[in-house]
Amino acid sequence: MTRQSRTIFPAAVLAALMLAGCGSSAPPAPPVPPDKSVFISAKDCAESGKLKLERCGELIDAAIEDHIRSAATYTSQKACEAVEGPERCERTDKKAFRPRLLAFVVVIAGEQSISAPLYATIGGEPGFRTRDKQMFLTTDENLTFSPKVGNRLLTLAARVEGGGQAIDLRLQSHRWMTDLGDRVVVEKIDVARLDDIAAKHELVLVATGRGPLAELFARNAERSVYAAPQRKLAMAIVTGCPLELPGIPFLPAKFNLFADAGEAFWIPYHHRDHGPSWCLLFEAKAGGRMDRFDEVVRNEAVLVGHQTGAPLAPVRARMRSEAAMDNPQESG
């Protein structure tokens, strides 16, 4: 497929943009390839220096309207992901699903500039595609790509209504056990004992991980979109870091979302022994840049992994250098 065949725009439109000197007897100049660029936001577009922010906003808005109006729709997330791929679908306001909008292609030609929405490639090729499956790949030398590591799509800082706290579960459980008194019974539960408890109560809620009790509750395929875990998790409690983040006028919970790598969280936490501290949680996509915790056996390894992957979630150097594990020998 040639590069020209990958453009989503009608050939007549591009031809009209490239015509010059119609009616002249001089031989026409060879056509100049249109300036095609991929952006992730109006700000991103304006920072390229090719268009003003207002014009970028108009083009991005037009592409979003095109996406809402014309993107393929599916009756369920499962049906959508069967075609578009895992984690590439979003819910519409009509309780249907459609491919997730990832970027925008803009053909720059002054006032005649045009734009369109872009989606993930079906076969995993590096780049994007249109809803008509026309490709815009990073290997195309006539295409300007803006999205890259460190190019933030969005940054938000806000307070949640009512606030919240992350407290050591041992303190929380102690409070509950104190409040409930002799109504708390601690014992090992097997299947036979669970049947006995269920026979004596109108409602029994069972929380279990692995083992015989978990085997009592089969996976409900109709309510389960995925048959396997979508993330690899690693968590650690660290002390010694400042209880603040640069530029935020309150103590926040910091969420970093990376489309191709996973998620990283810094949560203010109250530890039973150390008091105010931070809880670090990493949710790595298999095979992604954050997927580096398979061999972790101690908490220190989680911290080393975080420091190694610092470019993914920049936290000022002082926080990284001063962080220490609450118990380095415990499993991460």
Protein backbone atom coordinates (compact mmCIF):
# COMPACT_ATOMS: atom_id res chain seq x y z
CA MET A 1 0.00 0.00 0.00
CA THR A 2 1.41 3.38 -0.93
CA ARG A 3 1.51 6.27 1.51
CA GLN A 4 -0.96 8.20 -0.60
CA SER A 5 -3.48 5.38 -0.33
CA ARG A 6 -3.37 5.66 3.45
CA THR A 7 -4.89 9.11 3.59
CA ILE A 8 -8.47 9.18 4.78
CA PHE A 9 -9.43 12.23 2.77
CA PRO A 10 -11.05 12.14 -0.70
CA ALA A 11 -8.54 12.42 -3.54
CA ALA A 12 -10.52 15.29 -5.07
CA VAL A 13 -10.13 17.32 -1.88
CA LEU A 14 -6.39 16.80 -1.75
CA ALA A 15 -6.04 17.55 -5.45
CA ALA A 16 -7.90 20.82 -4.98
CA LEU A 17 -5.57 21.73 -2.10
CA MET A 18 -2.50 21.13 -4.25
CA LEU A 19 -3.59 22.83 -7.51
CA ALA A 20 -1.81 26.06 -8.36
CA GLY A 21 -1.65 28.28 -11.46
CA CYS A 22 -4.69 26.77 -13.22
CA GLY A 23 -4.91 28.01 -16.81
CA SER A 24 -1.19 28.84 -17.02
CA SER A 25 0.72 27.68 -20.09
CA ALA A 26 3.76 26.85 -17.97
CA PRO A 27 4.25 23.20 -17.03
CA PRO A 28 2.60 22.53 -13.68
CA ALA A 29 4.92 22.15 -10.71
CA PRO A 30 5.07 18.68 -9.20
CA PRO A 31 2.43 18.33 -6.50
CA VAL A 32 3.62 18.96 -2.95
CA PRO A 33 2.53 16.23 -0.50
CA PRO A 34 0.02 17.63 2.00
CA ASP A 35 1.28 18.26 5.53
CA LYS A 36 -0.25 15.46 7.57
CA SER A 37 0.19 15.49 11.34
CA VAL A 38 -1.08 13.36 14.23
CA PHE A 39 -1.98 15.17 17.45
CA ILE A 40 -3.54 14.20 20.78
CA SER A 41 -5.03 17.58 21.74
CA ALA A 42 -5.57 21.14 20.54
CA LYS A 43 -2.69 22.32 22.76
CA ASP A 44 -0.46 19.66 21.23
CA CYS A 45 -1.48 20.89 17.75
CA ALA A 46 -0.78 24.55 18.58
CA GLU A 47 2.62 23.75 20.08
CA SER A 48 3.67 22.27 16.74
CA GLY A 49 3.65 25.85 15.39
CA LYS A 50 1.69 24.85 12.30
CA LEU A 51 -1.69 26.27 13.33
CA LYS A 52 -3.06 28.74 15.86
CA LEU A 53 -4.67 27.34 19.01
CA GLU A 54 -8.16 28.50 18.00
CA ARG A 55 -7.93 26.77 14.61
CA CYS A 56 -6.52 23.64 16.25
CA GLY A 57 -9.49 23.61 18.62
CA GLU A 58 -11.94 23.88 15.73
CA LEU A 59 -10.32 20.97 13.91
CA ILE A 60 -10.15 18.78 17.01
CA ASP A 61 -13.81 19.55 17.82
CA ALA A 62 -14.79 18.58 14.27
CA ALA A 63 -12.95 15.27 14.60
CA ILE A 64 -14.63 14.54 17.93
CA GLU A 65 -18.05 15.24 16.43
CA ASP A 66 -17.17 12.89 13.57
CA HIS A 67 -16.19 10.22 16.11
CA ILE A 68 -19.44 10.58 18.07
CA ARG A 69 -21.55 10.61 14.93
CA SER A 70 -19.89 7.94 12.80
CA ALA A 71 -17.71 5.55 14.83
CA ALA A 72 -18.68 1.88 14.69
CA THR A 73 -20.92 0.79 17.58
CA TYR A 74 -21.33 -2.54 19.35
CA THR A 75 -23.99 -3.90 21.70
CA SER A 76 -21.50 -5.02 24.36
CA GLN A 77 -17.93 -4.42 25.49
CA LYS A 78 -17.09 -8.02 24.69
CA ALA A 79 -18.31 -7.66 21.10
CA CYS A 80 -16.43 -4.39 20.70
CA GLU A 81 -13.14 -5.79 22.01
CA ALA A 82 -13.48 -8.87 19.82
CA VAL A 83 -13.06 -6.53 16.84
CA GLU A 84 -11.14 -3.53 18.19
CA GLY A 85 -8.89 -5.32 20.68
CA PRO A 86 -8.61 -5.44 24.51
CA GLU A 87 -9.04 -2.12 26.34
CA ARG A 88 -9.74 -0.27 23.10
CA CYS A 89 -13.45 0.38 23.63
CA GLU A 90 -15.50 3.04 25.42
CA ARG A 91 -19.15 3.22 26.46
CA THR A 92 -21.40 5.63 24.60
CA ASP A 93 -24.23 7.63 26.20
CA LYS A 94 -26.64 5.14 24.60
CA LYS A 95 -25.24 2.19 26.60
CA ALA A 96 -23.50 0.82 23.52
CA PHE A 97 -19.76 0.57 22.92
CA ARG A 98 -17.46 2.03 20.27
CA PRO A 99 -13.69 2.12 19.61
CA ARG A 100 -11.80 4.46 21.91
CA LEU A 101 -10.68 7.73 20.34
CA LEU A 102 -6.89 7.98 20.68
CA ALA A 103 -5.66 10.80 18.46
CA PHE A 104 -6.46 13.08 15.52
CA VAL A 105 -4.98 13.41 12.04
CA VAL A 106 -4.89 16.90 10.56
CA VAL A 107 -4.13 17.75 6.93
CA ILE A 108 -2.83 21.30 7.15
CA ALA A 109 -3.76 23.60 4.26
CA GLY A 110 -4.60 26.99 5.78
CA GLU A 111 -8.31 27.64 5.99
CA GLN A 112 -8.98 24.42 4.08
CA SER A 113 -7.32 22.25 6.72
CA ILE A 114 -9.31 19.15 7.61
CA SER A 115 -9.21 16.58 10.42
CA ALA A 116 -10.45 13.12 11.41
CA PRO A 117 -10.46 10.82 14.46
CA LEU A 118 -7.88 8.04 14.83
CA TYR A 119 -8.08 4.66 16.56
CA ALA A 120 -5.69 1.86 17.52
CA THR A 121 -4.47 -0.37 14.71
CA ILE A 122 -6.11 -3.79 14.60
CA GLY A 123 -2.90 -5.73 14.04
CA GLY A 124 -0.78 -3.88 16.57
CA GLU A 125 1.20 -1.90 13.99
CA PRO A 126 2.91 1.23 15.44
CA GLY A 127 0.56 4.07 14.67
CA PHE A 128 -3.16 4.65 14.19
CA ARG A 129 -5.98 3.94 11.77
CA THR A 130 -9.19 5.62 10.68
CA ARG A 131 -12.62 4.03 10.98
CA ASP A 132 -12.17 3.03 7.32
CA LYS A 133 -9.03 1.11 8.35
CA GLN A 134 -6.67 3.45 6.52
CA MET A 135 -3.32 3.46 8.28
CA PHE A 136 -1.15 6.26 9.68
CA LEU A 137 2.02 4.51 10.79
CA THR A 138 5.11 5.88 12.52
CA THR A 139 7.15 4.54 9.58
CA ASP A 140 5.50 7.03 7.20
CA GLU A 141 8.17 9.67 6.49
CA ASN A 142 5.53 12.13 5.25
CA LEU A 143 3.66 12.07 8.58
CA THR A 144 4.43 14.15 11.67
CA PHE A 145 3.77 12.31 14.95
CA SER A 146 3.41 14.20 18.18
CA PRO A 147 2.42 11.59 20.83
CA LYS A 148 5.49 10.40 22.73
CA VAL A 149 6.66 9.53 26.24
CA GLY A 150 6.52 12.66 28.37
CA ASN A 151 3.83 14.33 26.26
CA ARG A 152 1.00 14.59 28.77
CA LEU A 153 -2.51 14.49 27.40
CA LEU A 154 -4.16 15.83 30.54
CA THR A 155 -3.30 16.87 34.10
CA LEU A 156 -5.99 17.38 36.75
CA ALA A 157 -5.81 18.48 40.38
CA ALA A 158 -8.97 18.64 42.49
CA ARG A 159 -10.44 17.90 45.91
CA VAL A 160 -13.01 15.14 46.33
CA GLU A 161 -16.20 15.99 48.18
CA GLY A 162 -16.10 14.62 51.71
CA GLY A 163 -12.40 13.70 51.62
CA GLY A 164 -10.98 10.25 52.28
CA GLN A 165 -8.33 8.31 54.20
CA ALA A 166 -6.15 5.26 53.55
CA ILE A 167 -5.54 3.61 56.92
CA ASP A 168 -3.54 0.51 57.85
CA LEU A 169 -6.02 -2.37 57.78
CA ARG A 170 -4.71 -3.60 61.14
CA LEU A 171 -5.85 -0.37 62.80
CA GLN A 172 -9.18 -0.47 60.99
CA SER A 173 -9.81 -4.10 61.95
CA HIS A 174 -8.87 -3.39 65.56
CA ARG A 175 -11.44 -0.59 65.71
CA TRP A 176 -14.14 -2.78 64.22
CA MET A 177 -13.37 -5.65 66.57
CA THR A 178 -13.44 -3.28 69.56
CA ASP A 179 -16.77 -1.77 68.50
CA LEU A 180 -18.39 -5.14 67.78
CA GLY A 181 -17.08 -6.84 70.93
CA ASP A 182 -18.10 -10.46 71.42
CA ARG A 183 -20.00 -10.45 68.12
CA VAL A 184 -16.65 -11.04 66.38
CA VAL A 185 -15.68 -14.72 66.08
CA VAL A 186 -12.24 -15.62 64.71
CA GLU A 187 -11.86 -19.15 63.35
CA LYS A 188 -10.82 -21.11 60.29
CA ILE A 189 -13.65 -21.75 57.85
CA ASP A 190 -13.91 -24.78 55.57
CA VAL A 191 -16.75 -25.78 53.27
CA ALA A 192 -18.56 -27.79 55.93
CA ARG A 193 -18.32 -24.95 58.47
CA LEU A 194 -19.57 -22.47 55.87
CA ASP A 195 -22.64 -24.65 55.25
CA ASP A 196 -23.30 -24.68 59.00
CA ILE A 197 -23.04 -20.89 59.22
CA ALA A 198 -25.32 -20.44 56.19
CA ALA A 199 -27.97 -22.68 57.75
CA LYS A 200 -28.14 -20.44 60.82
CA HIS A 201 -28.31 -17.03 59.12
CA GLU A 202 -30.52 -15.37 56.53
CA LEU A 203 -27.57 -13.70 54.77
CA VAL A 204 -23.91 -14.77 54.61
CA LEU A 205 -21.32 -12.76 52.69
CA VAL A 206 -18.18 -14.69 51.75
CA ALA A 207 -14.88 -12.93 50.97
CA THR A 208 -12.20 -15.38 49.89
CA GLY A 209 -9.06 -15.54 47.79
CA ARG A 210 -7.78 -18.92 46.67
CA GLY A 211 -8.51 -22.38 48.00
CA PRO A 212 -11.56 -24.61 48.53
CA LEU A 213 -13.92 -21.76 49.45
CA ALA A 214 -13.08 -19.86 46.25
CA GLU A 215 -13.86 -22.98 44.22
CA LEU A 216 -17.47 -22.82 45.44
CA PHE A 217 -18.05 -19.70 43.34
CA ALA A 218 -17.57 -20.34 39.66
CA ARG A 219 -16.68 -17.49 37.34
CA ASN A 220 -19.78 -15.93 35.80
CA ALA A 221 -18.89 -15.62 32.12
CA GLU A 222 -21.88 -13.37 31.39
CA ARG A 223 -20.71 -10.79 33.93
CA SER A 224 -16.96 -11.20 33.37
CA VAL A 225 -15.52 -9.38 30.38
CA TYR A 226 -12.06 -10.93 30.81
CA ALA A 227 -10.99 -14.52 31.38
CA ALA A 228 -7.53 -13.57 32.68
CA PRO A 229 -6.04 -10.72 34.78
CA GLN A 230 -5.37 -7.54 32.79
CA ARG A 231 -2.66 -6.17 35.10
CA LYS A 232 0.32 -7.35 37.14
CA LEU A 233 0.24 -5.66 40.55
CA ALA A 234 3.02 -4.62 42.90
CA MET A 235 2.57 -2.59 46.09
CA ALA A 236 4.78 -1.19 48.83
CA ILE A 237 4.59 1.16 51.82
CA VAL A 238 7.42 3.74 51.92
CA THR A 239 8.50 6.24 54.55
CA GLY A 240 10.84 9.23 54.53
CA CYS A 241 9.23 11.04 51.59
CA PRO A 242 7.79 14.56 51.98
CA LEU A 243 4.03 14.48 52.50
CA GLU A 244 3.45 16.83 49.61
CA LEU A 245 3.69 16.98 45.83
CA PRO A 246 5.11 19.93 43.87
CA GLY A 247 2.53 22.44 42.70
CA ILE A 248 -0.41 20.93 44.64
CA PRO A 249 -1.72 23.05 47.55
CA PHE A 250 -3.01 20.03 49.48
CA LEU A 251 -1.93 16.43 50.17
CA PRO A 252 -3.18 14.52 47.12
CA ALA A 253 -3.55 10.96 45.91
CA LYS A 254 -1.42 10.90 42.75
CA PHE A 255 -2.65 8.83 39.80
CA ASN A 256 -0.51 8.35 36.68
CA LEU A 257 -2.24 6.70 33.71
CA PHE A 258 -0.12 5.41 30.80
CA ALA A 259 -2.00 4.13 27.76
CA ASP A 260 0.66 1.56 26.80
CA ALA A 261 2.15 0.70 30.20
CA GLY A 262 -0.50 0.66 32.95
CA GLU A 263 -1.10 2.79 36.03
CA ALA A 264 0.96 4.04 38.99
CA PHE A 265 -0.51 5.40 42.23
CA TRP A 266 0.94 7.34 45.19
CA ILE A 267 -1.59 7.24 48.03
CA PRO A 268 -1.14 9.07 51.39
CA TYR A 269 -1.32 6.31 53.98
CA HIS A 270 -1.40 6.04 57.78
CA HIS A 271 0.80 3.14 58.90
CA ARG A 272 0.29 1.41 62.24
CA ASP A 273 3.93 1.85 63.31
CA HIS A 274 5.29 4.68 61.15
CA GLY A 275 2.27 6.98 60.98
CA PRO A 276 1.96 9.19 57.87
CA SER A 277 3.63 7.53 54.88
CA TRP A 278 2.98 6.68 51.21
CA CYS A 279 1.42 3.60 49.64
CA LEU A 280 2.81 2.86 46.15
CA LEU A 281 0.74 0.74 43.78
CA PHE A 282 1.80 -0.29 40.28
CA GLU A 283 -0.62 -1.87 37.80
CA ALA A 284 1.50 -3.05 34.88
CA LYS A 285 0.23 -4.20 31.50
CA ALA A 286 1.89 -7.47 30.53
CA GLY A 287 4.82 -6.81 28.23
CA GLY A 288 4.69 -3.04 28.78
CA ARG A 289 7.42 -0.73 30.05
CA MET A 290 6.20 -1.06 33.63
CA ASP A 291 6.14 -4.87 33.55
CA ARG A 292 9.28 -5.46 35.63
CA PHE A 293 8.08 -7.00 38.90
CA ASP A 294 7.84 -10.72 38.06
CA GLU A 295 10.97 -11.55 40.08
CA VAL A 296 10.07 -9.37 43.09
CA VAL A 297 10.38 -11.23 46.39
CA ARG A 298 11.00 -8.35 48.82
CA ASN A 299 9.68 -4.85 49.24
CA GLU A 300 13.06 -3.31 48.37
CA ALA A 301 12.76 -4.73 44.86
CA VAL A 302 9.48 -2.87 44.37
CA LEU A 303 11.16 0.40 45.31
CA VAL A 304 14.12 -0.30 43.02
CA GLY A 305 11.70 -1.09 40.22
CA HIS A 306 9.92 2.21 40.84
CA GLN A 307 13.19 4.15 40.76
CA THR A 308 14.24 2.39 37.57
CA GLY A 309 10.94 3.30 35.96
CA ALA A 310 10.93 6.88 37.23
CA PRO A 311 10.78 8.39 33.71
CA LEU A 312 7.28 6.92 33.38
CA ALA A 313 5.99 8.75 36.46
CA PRO A 314 8.34 11.60 37.30
CA VAL A 315 8.40 12.35 41.01
CA ARG A 316 11.02 14.83 42.16
CA ALA A 317 14.42 13.34 42.87
CA ARG A 318 14.24 14.06 46.59
CA MET A 319 11.17 11.85 47.00
CA ARG A 320 12.79 8.96 45.15
CA SER A 321 16.13 9.24 46.95
CA GLU A 322 14.64 9.54 50.45
CA ALA A 323 12.06 6.76 50.11
CA ALA A 324 12.60 3.77 52.41
CA MET A 325 10.57 0.59 52.89
CA ASP A 326 8.49 0.16 56.03
CA ASN A 327 9.66 -3.48 56.20
CA PRO A 328 12.24 -4.37 53.49
CA GLN A 329 12.04 -8.12 54.21
CA GLU A 330 8.31 -8.49 53.61
CA SER A 331 7.04 -9.66 50.26
CA GLY A 332 6.01 -6.91 47.85
